[in-house]
Amino acid sequence: MKAKDIHSLSPEDIKKKIEEIKRELMKQNAQIASGTVPTSPGQVREMKKTVARLVTELNQKERNKA
């Protein structure tokens, strides 16, 4: 996800997106652990970065409320 897209999301939407990506990341990690080669190896890294971006944006929005 682009930063521009993340900025436009509400905190509730960000939380939903984090959960969705984490579920997908667990599936990918299970495939890797079982020895199956993932379709796109770089996708795991990108998902981790996206989760970090979402968490950062969520923290910033919560800080701005206070």
C-alpha atoms as a PDB file:
ATOM      1  CA  MET A   1       0.000   0.000   0.000  1.00  0.00           C
ATOM      2  CA  LYS A   2       1.137   3.491  -0.741  1.00  0.00           C
ATOM      3  CA  ALA A   3       1.460   6.027   2.077  1.00  0.00           C
ATOM      4  CA  LYS A   4      -1.172   8.178   0.374  1.00  0.00           C
ATOM      5  CA  ASP A   5      -3.670   5.323   0.586  1.00  0.00           C
ATOM      6  CA  ILE A   6      -2.845   4.663   4.231  1.00  0.00           C
ATOM      7  CA  HIS A   7      -3.329   8.323   5.218  1.00  0.00           C
ATOM      8  CA  SER A   8      -6.868   8.284   3.854  1.00  0.00           C
ATOM      9  CA  LEU A   9      -7.955   5.294   5.989  1.00  0.00           C
ATOM     10  CA  SER A  10      -9.799   5.648   9.273  1.00  0.00           C
ATOM     11  CA  PRO A  11      -8.328   4.026  12.410  1.00  0.00           C
ATOM     12  CA  GLU A  12     -10.935   1.241  12.254  1.00  0.00           C
ATOM     13  CA  ASP A  13     -10.086   0.518   8.622  1.00  0.00           C
ATOM     14  CA  ILE A  14      -6.382   0.460   9.470  1.00  0.00           C
ATOM     15  CA  LYS A  15      -6.989  -2.113  12.211  1.00  0.00           C
ATOM     16  CA  LYS A  16      -8.993  -4.309   9.826  1.00  0.00           C
ATOM     17  CA  LYS A  17      -6.294  -4.058   7.173  1.00  0.00           C
ATOM     18  CA  ILE A  18      -3.584  -5.002   9.703  1.00  0.00           C
ATOM     19  CA  GLU A  19      -5.512  -8.116  10.724  1.00  0.00           C
ATOM     20  CA  GLU A  20      -6.115  -9.067   7.085  1.00  0.00           C
ATOM     21  CA  ILE A  21      -2.453  -8.745   6.147  1.00  0.00           C
ATOM     22  CA  LYS A  22      -1.301 -10.600   9.270  1.00  0.00           C
ATOM     23  CA  ARG A  23      -3.577 -13.537   8.385  1.00  0.00           C
ATOM     24  CA  GLU A  24      -2.114 -13.656   4.883  1.00  0.00           C
ATOM     25  CA  LEU A  25       1.393 -13.421   6.333  1.00  0.00           C
ATOM     26  CA  MET A  26       0.711 -16.402   8.595  1.00  0.00           C
ATOM     27  CA  LYS A  27      -0.385 -18.428   5.562  1.00  0.00           C
ATOM     28  CA  GLN A  28       2.782 -17.503   3.696  1.00  0.00           C
ATOM     29  CA  ASN A  29       4.967 -18.362   6.703  1.00  0.00           C
ATOM     30  CA  ALA A  30       3.235 -21.737   7.036  1.00  0.00           C
ATOM     31  CA  GLN A  31       3.981 -22.489   3.390  1.00  0.00           C
ATOM     32  CA  ILE A  32       7.618 -21.561   3.859  1.00  0.00           C
ATOM     33  CA  ALA A  33       7.879 -23.676   7.028  1.00  0.00           C
ATOM     34  CA  SER A  34       6.411 -26.706   5.269  1.00  0.00           C
ATOM     35  CA  GLY A  35       9.023 -26.415   2.543  1.00  0.00           C
ATOM     36  CA  THR A  36       6.761 -25.107  -0.213  1.00  0.00           C
ATOM     37  CA  VAL A  37       8.314 -22.374  -2.282  1.00  0.00           C
ATOM     38  CA  PRO A  38       6.137 -19.227  -2.166  1.00  0.00           C
ATOM     39  CA  THR A  39       4.895 -17.856  -5.475  1.00  0.00           C
ATOM     40  CA  SER A  40       6.529 -14.514  -4.769  1.00  0.00           C
ATOM     41  CA  PRO A  41       9.340 -14.568  -2.211  1.00  0.00           C
ATOM     42  CA  GLY A  42       9.463 -10.779  -1.944  1.00  0.00           C
ATOM     43  CA  GLN A  43       5.801 -10.658  -1.004  1.00  0.00           C
ATOM     44  CA  VAL A  44       6.494 -11.675   2.621  1.00  0.00           C
ATOM     45  CA  ARG A  45       8.938  -8.827   3.065  1.00  0.00           C
ATOM     46  CA  GLU A  46       6.508  -6.351   1.495  1.00  0.00           C
ATOM     47  CA  MET A  47       3.664  -7.517   3.763  1.00  0.00           C
ATOM     48  CA  LYS A  48       5.837  -6.975   6.839  1.00  0.00           C
ATOM     49  CA  LYS A  49       6.677  -3.461   5.678  1.00  0.00           C
ATOM     50  CA  THR A  50       3.028  -2.708   4.989  1.00  0.00           C
ATOM     51  CA  VAL A  51       2.028  -3.833   8.489  1.00  0.00           C
ATOM     52  CA  ALA A  52       4.733  -1.571   9.936  1.00  0.00           C
ATOM     53  CA  ARG A  53       3.470   1.377   7.891  1.00  0.00           C
ATOM     54  CA  LEU A  54      -0.103   0.752   9.016  1.00  0.00           C
ATOM     55  CA  VAL A  55       0.870   0.482  12.683  1.00  0.00           C
ATOM     56  CA  THR A  56       2.901   3.688  12.440  1.00  0.00           C
ATOM     57  CA  GLU A  57       0.011   5.572  10.869  1.00  0.00           C
ATOM     58  CA  LEU A  58      -2.413   4.204  13.480  1.00  0.00           C
ATOM     59  CA  ASN A  59      -0.116   5.354  16.304  1.00  0.00           C
ATOM     60  CA  GLN A  60       0.209   8.817  14.772  1.00  0.00           C
ATOM     61  CA  LYS A  61      -3.552   9.188  14.432  1.00  0.00           C
ATOM     62  CA  GLU A  62      -4.092   8.091  18.036  1.00  0.00           C
ATOM     63  CA  ARG A  63      -1.435  10.554  19.261  1.00  0.00           C
ATOM     64  CA  ASN A  64      -3.058  13.402  17.343  1.00  0.00           C
ATOM     65  CA  LYS A  65      -6.383  12.730  19.059  1.00  0.00           C
ATOM     66  CA  ALA A  66      -4.852  13.131  22.515  1.00  0.00           C
END
